PDB file of N, CA and C in Angstrom:
ATOM      1  N   MET A   1       4.231  28.555   6.027  1.00  0.00           N
ATOM      2  CA  MET A   1       4.920  27.382   5.494  1.00  0.00           C
ATOM      3  C   MET A   1       5.399  27.665   4.073  1.00  0.00           C
ATOM      4  N   ASN A   2       6.566  27.204   3.780  1.00  0.00           N
ATOM      5  CA  ASN A   2       7.047  27.386   2.415  1.00  0.00           C
ATOM      6  C   ASN A   2       6.690  26.168   1.574  1.00  0.00           C
ATOM      7  N   THR A   3       7.036  26.214   0.318  1.00  0.00           N
ATOM      8  CA  THR A   3       6.629  25.174  -0.627  1.00  0.00           C
ATOM      9  C   THR A   3       7.230  23.821  -0.295  1.00  0.00           C
ATOM     10  N   SER A   4       8.490  23.784   0.109  1.00  0.00           N
ATOM     11  CA  SER A   4       9.119  22.490   0.374  1.00  0.00           C
ATOM     12  C   SER A   4       8.511  21.808   1.604  1.00  0.00           C
ATOM     13  N   SER A   5       8.147  22.586   2.627  1.00  0.00           N
ATOM     14  CA  SER A   5       7.515  21.965   3.787  1.00  0.00           C
ATOM     15  C   SER A   5       6.091  21.529   3.465  1.00  0.00           C
ATOM     16  N   ASN A   6       5.413  22.242   2.574  1.00  0.00           N
ATOM     17  CA  ASN A   6       4.091  21.804   2.124  1.00  0.00           C
ATOM     18  C   ASN A   6       4.187  20.492   1.359  1.00  0.00           C
ATOM     19  N   GLN A   7       5.185  20.380   0.507  1.00  0.00           N
ATOM     20  CA  GLN A   7       5.374  19.141  -0.235  1.00  0.00           C
ATOM     21  C   GLN A   7       5.747  17.994   0.692  1.00  0.00           C
ATOM     22  N   LEU A   8       6.537  18.268   1.706  1.00  0.00           N
ATOM     23  CA  LEU A   8       6.917  17.240   2.671  1.00  0.00           C
ATOM     24  C   LEU A   8       5.701  16.773   3.467  1.00  0.00           C
ATOM     25  N   LEU A   9       4.857  17.714   3.863  1.00  0.00           N
ATOM     26  CA  LEU A   9       3.636  17.374   4.583  1.00  0.00           C
ATOM     27  C   LEU A   9       2.705  16.557   3.698  1.00  0.00           C
ATOM     28  N   LEU A  10       2.561  16.945   2.452  1.00  0.00           N
ATOM     29  CA  LEU A  10       1.730  16.197   1.506  1.00  0.00           C
ATOM     30  C   LEU A  10       2.283  14.798   1.278  1.00  0.00           C
ATOM     31  N   LEU A  11       3.598  14.679   1.168  1.00  0.00           N
ATOM     32  CA  LEU A  11       4.216  13.371   0.990  1.00  0.00           C
ATOM     33  C   LEU A  11       3.979  12.472   2.197  1.00  0.00           C
ATOM     34  N   ALA A  12       4.110  13.016   3.397  1.00  0.00           N
ATOM     35  CA  ALA A  12       3.871  12.230   4.605  1.00  0.00           C
ATOM     36  C   ALA A  12       2.422  11.763   4.673  1.00  0.00           C
ATOM     37  N   LEU A  13       1.496  12.635   4.327  1.00  0.00           N
ATOM     38  CA  LEU A  13       0.081  12.271   4.325  1.00  0.00           C
ATOM     39  C   LEU A  13      -0.209  11.196   3.287  1.00  0.00           C
ATOM     40  N   LEU A  14       0.352  11.343   2.102  1.00  0.00           N
ATOM     41  CA  LEU A  14       0.136  10.350   1.050  1.00  0.00           C
ATOM     42  C   LEU A  14       0.751   8.999   1.408  1.00  0.00           C
ATOM     43  N   LEU A  15       1.897   9.009   2.054  1.00  0.00           N
ATOM     44  CA  LEU A  15       2.513   7.748   2.480  1.00  0.00           C
ATOM     45  C   LEU A  15       1.664   7.054   3.542  1.00  0.00           C
ATOM     46  N   ALA A  16       1.045   7.821   4.425  1.00  0.00           N
ATOM     47  CA  ALA A  16       0.154   7.234   5.419  1.00  0.00           C
ATOM     48  C   ALA A  16      -1.076   6.623   4.759  1.00  0.00           C
ATOM     49  N   VAL A  17      -1.615   7.301   3.769  1.00  0.00           N
ATOM     50  CA  VAL A  17      -2.779   6.774   3.038  1.00  0.00           C
ATOM     51  C   VAL A  17      -2.394   5.517   2.267  1.00  0.00           C
ATOM     52  N   VAL A  18      -1.226   5.516   1.655  1.00  0.00           N
ATOM     53  CA  VAL A  18      -0.750   4.339   0.925  1.00  0.00           C
ATOM     54  C   VAL A  18      -0.562   3.156   1.868  1.00  0.00           C
ATOM     55  N   ALA A  19       0.007   3.403   3.039  1.00  0.00           N
ATOM     56  CA  ALA A  19       0.203   2.323   4.013  1.00  0.00           C
ATOM     57  C   ALA A  19      -1.134   1.743   4.459  1.00  0.00           C
ATOM     58  N   LEU A  20      -2.112   2.601   4.702  1.00  0.00           N
ATOM     59  CA  LEU A  20      -3.439   2.125   5.097  1.00  0.00           C
ATOM     60  C   LEU A  20      -4.099   1.335   3.969  1.00  0.00           C
ATOM     61  N   PHE A  21      -4.022   1.850   2.759  1.00  0.00           N
ATOM     62  CA  PHE A  21      -4.613   1.173   1.602  1.00  0.00           C
ATOM     63  C   PHE A  21      -3.973  -0.193   1.382  1.00  0.00           C
ATOM     64  N   CYS A  22      -2.653  -0.252   1.444  1.00  0.00           N
ATOM     65  CA  CYS A  22      -1.955  -1.523   1.211  1.00  0.00           C
ATOM     66  C   CYS A  22      -2.259  -2.534   2.318  1.00  0.00           C
ATOM     67  N   THR A  23      -2.397  -2.066   3.537  1.00  0.00           N
ATOM     68  CA  THR A  23      -2.766  -2.957   4.631  1.00  0.00           C
ATOM     69  C   THR A  23      -4.156  -3.542   4.401  1.00  0.00           C
ATOM     70  N   LEU A  24      -5.086  -2.709   3.972  1.00  0.00           N
ATOM     71  CA  LEU A  24      -6.438  -3.194   3.690  1.00  0.00           C
ATOM     72  C   LEU A  24      -6.458  -4.185   2.527  1.00  0.00           C
ATOM     73  N   VAL A  25      -5.673  -3.924   1.510  1.00  0.00           N
ATOM     74  CA  VAL A  25      -5.596  -4.843   0.373  1.00  0.00           C
ATOM     75  C   VAL A  25      -5.022  -6.184   0.808  1.00  0.00           C
ATOM     76  N   GLY A  26      -3.960  -6.153   1.589  1.00  0.00           N
ATOM     77  CA  GLY A  26      -3.355  -7.390   2.075  1.00  0.00           C
ATOM     78  C   GLY A  26      -4.292  -8.180   2.971  1.00  0.00           C
ATOM     79  N   ALA A  27      -5.001  -7.478   3.852  1.00  0.00           N
ATOM     80  CA  ALA A  27      -5.941  -8.154   4.744  1.00  0.00           C
ATOM     81  C   ALA A  27      -7.095  -8.769   3.956  1.00  0.00           C
ATOM     82  N   ALA A  28      -7.589  -8.053   2.972  1.00  0.00           N
ATOM     83  CA  ALA A  28      -8.685  -8.579   2.153  1.00  0.00           C
ATOM     84  C   ALA A  28      -8.229  -9.801   1.360  1.00  0.00           C
ATOM     85  N   ALA A  29      -7.024  -9.748   0.809  1.00  0.00           N
ATOM     86  CA  ALA A  29      -6.518 -10.893   0.049  1.00  0.00           C
ATOM     87  C   ALA A  29      -6.328 -12.113   0.939  1.00  0.00           C
ATOM     88  N   GLY A  30      -5.805 -11.896   2.139  1.00  0.00           N
ATOM     89  CA  GLY A  30      -5.642 -13.004   3.072  1.00  0.00           C
ATOM     90  C   GLY A  30      -6.971 -13.586   3.507  1.00  0.00           C
ATOM     91  N   LEU A  31      -7.936 -12.723   3.770  1.00  0.00           N
ATOM     92  CA  LEU A  31      -9.261 -13.182   4.165  1.00  0.00           C
ATOM     93  C   LEU A  31      -9.939 -13.966   3.047  1.00  0.00           C
ATOM     94  N   LEU A  32      -9.849 -13.454   1.834  1.00  0.00           N
ATOM     95  CA  LEU A  32     -10.443 -14.171   0.701  1.00  0.00           C
ATOM     96  C   LEU A  32      -9.772 -15.517   0.464  1.00  0.00           C
ATOM     97  N   ALA A  33      -8.468 -15.570   0.647  1.00  0.00           N
ATOM     98  CA  ALA A  33      -7.766 -16.851   0.497  1.00  0.00           C
ATOM     99  C   ALA A  33      -8.205 -17.823   1.575  1.00  0.00           C
ATOM    100  N   ARG A  34      -8.371 -17.331   2.798  1.00  0.00           N
ATOM    101  CA  ARG A  34      -8.796 -18.206   3.901  1.00  0.00           C
ATOM    102  C   ARG A  34     -10.227 -18.692   3.683  1.00  0.00           C
ATOM    103  N   ILE A  35     -11.102 -17.823   3.206  1.00  0.00           N
ATOM    104  CA  ILE A  35     -12.482 -18.220   2.912  1.00  0.00           C
ATOM    105  C   ILE A  35     -12.511 -19.263   1.804  1.00  0.00           C
ATOM    106  N   ASP A  36     -11.558 -19.153   0.882  1.00  0.00           N
ATOM    107  CA  ASP A  36     -11.483 -20.093  -0.235  1.00  0.00           C
ATOM    108  C   ASP A  36     -10.956 -21.465   0.193  1.00  0.00           C
ATOM    109  N   GLY A  37     -10.497 -21.576   1.441  1.00  0.00           N
ATOM    110  CA  GLY A  37     -10.066 -22.876   1.935  1.00  0.00           C
ATOM    111  C   GLY A  37      -8.567 -23.028   2.085  1.00  0.00           C
ATOM    112  N   ALA A  38      -7.824 -21.961   1.910  1.00  0.00           N
ATOM    113  CA  ALA A  38      -6.372 -22.033   2.061  1.00  0.00           C
ATOM    114  C   ALA A  38      -6.012 -22.172   3.540  1.00  0.00           C
ATOM    115  N   THR A  39      -4.855 -22.733   3.806  1.00  0.00           N
ATOM    116  CA  THR A  39      -4.384 -22.822   5.187  1.00  0.00           C
ATOM    117  C   THR A  39      -4.024 -21.421   5.680  1.00  0.00           C
ATOM    118  N   TRP A  40      -3.820 -21.306   7.000  1.00  0.00           N
ATOM    119  CA  TRP A  40      -3.473 -20.002   7.558  1.00  0.00           C
ATOM    120  C   TRP A  40      -2.154 -19.484   6.981  1.00  0.00           C
ATOM    121  N   ALA A  41      -1.197 -20.373   6.802  1.00  0.00           N
ATOM    122  CA  ALA A  41       0.104 -19.953   6.279  1.00  0.00           C
ATOM    123  C   ALA A  41      -0.010 -19.467   4.829  1.00  0.00           C
ATOM    124  N   THR A  42      -0.786 -20.188   4.038  1.00  0.00           N
ATOM    125  CA  THR A  42      -0.967 -19.790   2.641  1.00  0.00           C
ATOM    126  C   THR A  42      -1.736 -18.477   2.544  1.00  0.00           C
ATOM    127  N   ALA A  43      -2.750 -18.323   3.374  1.00  0.00           N
ATOM    128  CA  ALA A  43      -3.531 -17.085   3.366  1.00  0.00           C
ATOM    129  C   ALA A  43      -2.662 -15.892   3.768  1.00  0.00           C
ATOM    130  N   LEU A  44      -1.802 -16.105   4.764  1.00  0.00           N
ATOM    131  CA  LEU A  44      -0.903 -15.039   5.189  1.00  0.00           C
ATOM    132  C   LEU A  44       0.084 -14.688   4.080  1.00  0.00           C
ATOM    133  N   LEU A  45       0.591 -15.691   3.399  1.00  0.00           N
ATOM    134  CA  LEU A  45       1.518 -15.452   2.295  1.00  0.00           C
ATOM    135  C   LEU A  45       0.836 -14.701   1.156  1.00  0.00           C
ATOM    136  N   ARG A  46      -0.382 -15.079   0.824  1.00  0.00           N
ATOM    137  CA  ARG A  46      -1.117 -14.382  -0.242  1.00  0.00           C
ATOM    138  C   ARG A  46      -1.397 -12.934   0.140  1.00  0.00           C
ATOM    139  N   GLY A  47      -1.732 -12.715   1.408  1.00  0.00           N
ATOM    140  CA  GLY A  47      -1.942 -11.351   1.871  1.00  0.00           C
ATOM    141  C   GLY A  47      -0.670 -10.524   1.797  1.00  0.00           C
ATOM    142  N   ALA A  48       0.453 -11.130   2.149  1.00  0.00           N
ATOM    143  CA  ALA A  48       1.740 -10.426   2.089  1.00  0.00           C
ATOM    144  C   ALA A  48       2.127 -10.085   0.655  1.00  0.00           C
ATOM    145  N   VAL A  49       1.863 -11.009  -0.259  1.00  0.00           N
ATOM    146  CA  VAL A  49       2.166 -10.746  -1.675  1.00  0.00           C
ATOM    147  C   VAL A  49       1.288  -9.617  -2.199  1.00  0.00           C
ATOM    148  N   ALA A  50       0.011  -9.613  -1.837  1.00  0.00           N
ATOM    149  CA  ALA A  50      -0.895  -8.548  -2.266  1.00  0.00           C
ATOM    150  C   ALA A  50      -0.475  -7.206  -1.669  1.00  0.00           C
ATOM    151  N   PHE A  51      -0.053  -7.211  -0.396  1.00  0.00           N
ATOM    152  CA  PHE A  51       0.436  -5.988   0.236  1.00  0.00           C
ATOM    153  C   PHE A  51       1.657  -5.453  -0.508  1.00  0.00           C
ATOM    154  N   GLY A  52       2.611  -6.326  -0.784  1.00  0.00           N
ATOM    155  CA  GLY A  52       3.827  -5.901  -1.476  1.00  0.00           C
ATOM    156  C   GLY A  52       3.564  -5.385  -2.875  1.00  0.00           C
ATOM    157  N   ALA A  53       2.665  -6.055  -3.587  1.00  0.00           N
ATOM    158  CA  ALA A  53       2.353  -5.621  -4.948  1.00  0.00           C
ATOM    159  C   ALA A  53       1.651  -4.273  -4.954  1.00  0.00           C
ATOM    160  N   SER A  54       0.689  -4.092  -4.061  1.00  0.00           N
ATOM    161  CA  SER A  54      -0.022  -2.814  -4.032  1.00  0.00           C
ATOM    162  C   SER A  54       0.888  -1.691  -3.538  1.00  0.00           C
ATOM    163  N   ALA A  55       1.789  -1.984  -2.615  1.00  0.00           N
ATOM    164  CA  ALA A  55       2.737  -0.969  -2.155  1.00  0.00           C
ATOM    165  C   ALA A  55       3.688  -0.566  -3.276  1.00  0.00           C
ATOM    166  N   THR A  56       4.145  -1.533  -4.045  1.00  0.00           N
ATOM    167  CA  THR A  56       5.038  -1.232  -5.161  1.00  0.00           C
ATOM    168  C   THR A  56       4.359  -0.340  -6.189  1.00  0.00           C
ATOM    169  N   LEU A  57       3.132  -0.683  -6.550  1.00  0.00           N
ATOM    170  CA  LEU A  57       2.407   0.128  -7.531  1.00  0.00           C
ATOM    171  C   LEU A  57       2.100   1.522  -7.000  1.00  0.00           C
ATOM    172  N   ALA A  58       1.679   1.616  -5.755  1.00  0.00           N
ATOM    173  CA  ALA A  58       1.336   2.925  -5.191  1.00  0.00           C
ATOM    174  C   ALA A  58       2.567   3.817  -5.061  1.00  0.00           C
ATOM    175  N   LEU A  59       3.683   3.261  -4.615  1.00  0.00           N
ATOM    176  CA  LEU A  59       4.893   4.066  -4.482  1.00  0.00           C
ATOM    177  C   LEU A  59       5.467   4.460  -5.839  1.00  0.00           C
ATOM    178  N   ALA A  60       5.316   3.609  -6.833  1.00  0.00           N
ATOM    179  CA  ALA A  60       5.744   3.984  -8.185  1.00  0.00           C
ATOM    180  C   ALA A  60       4.890   5.138  -8.707  1.00  0.00           C
ATOM    181  N   LEU A  61       3.601   5.095  -8.423  1.00  0.00           N
ATOM    182  CA  LEU A  61       2.715   6.179  -8.843  1.00  0.00           C
ATOM    183  C   LEU A  61       3.056   7.475  -8.109  1.00  0.00           C
ATOM    184  N   LEU A  62       3.319   7.395  -6.810  1.00  0.00           N
ATOM    185  CA  LEU A  62       3.713   8.591  -6.064  1.00  0.00           C
ATOM    186  C   LEU A  62       5.040   9.165  -6.571  1.00  0.00           C
ATOM    187  N   THR A  63       5.959   8.299  -6.893  1.00  0.00           N
ATOM    188  CA  THR A  63       7.238   8.765  -7.442  1.00  0.00           C
ATOM    189  C   THR A  63       7.035   9.493  -8.750  1.00  0.00           C
ATOM    190  N   PHE A  64       6.197   8.960  -9.597  1.00  0.00           N
ATOM    191  CA  PHE A  64       5.897   9.608 -10.877  1.00  0.00           C
ATOM    192  C   PHE A  64       5.235  10.969 -10.660  1.00  0.00           C
ATOM    193  N   ILE A  65       4.286  11.021  -9.739  1.00  0.00           N
ATOM    194  CA  ILE A  65       3.575  12.278  -9.493  1.00  0.00           C
ATOM    195  C   ILE A  65       4.531  13.340  -8.954  1.00  0.00           C
ATOM    196  N   PHE A  66       5.375  12.973  -7.979  1.00  0.00           N
ATOM    197  CA  PHE A  66       6.288  13.965  -7.416  1.00  0.00           C
ATOM    198  C   PHE A  66       7.420  14.328  -8.384  1.00  0.00           C
ATOM    199  N   THR A  67       7.719  13.466  -9.327  1.00  0.00           N
ATOM    200  CA  THR A  67       8.710  13.816 -10.345  1.00  0.00           C
ATOM    201  C   THR A  67       8.134  14.843 -11.310  1.00  0.00           C
ATOM    202  N   VAL A  68       6.877  14.682 -11.644  1.00  0.00           N
ATOM    203  CA  VAL A  68       6.221  15.628 -12.563  1.00  0.00           C
ATOM    204  C   VAL A  68       6.056  16.979 -11.893  1.00  0.00           C
ATOM    205  N   LEU A  69       5.735  16.995 -10.607  1.00  0.00           N
ATOM    206  CA  LEU A  69       5.574  18.267  -9.897  1.00  0.00           C
ATOM    207  C   LEU A  69       6.918  18.917  -9.715  1.00  0.00           C
TER     208      LEU A  69
END
């Protein structure tokens, strides 16, 4: 394997980890909102906002890391 395919493989792996992490963050936020007494719709919205925020931060960090490399 050459360097560019190694970087592509690493990027694909990191994107999969980011997707899993963001899904867990969103699910936890929705669950905590529901436990706190929020309606199902509000809990789902809070989970979606947490997912989007964590995805934005993680992808910004990955962009910075791959720019430095």
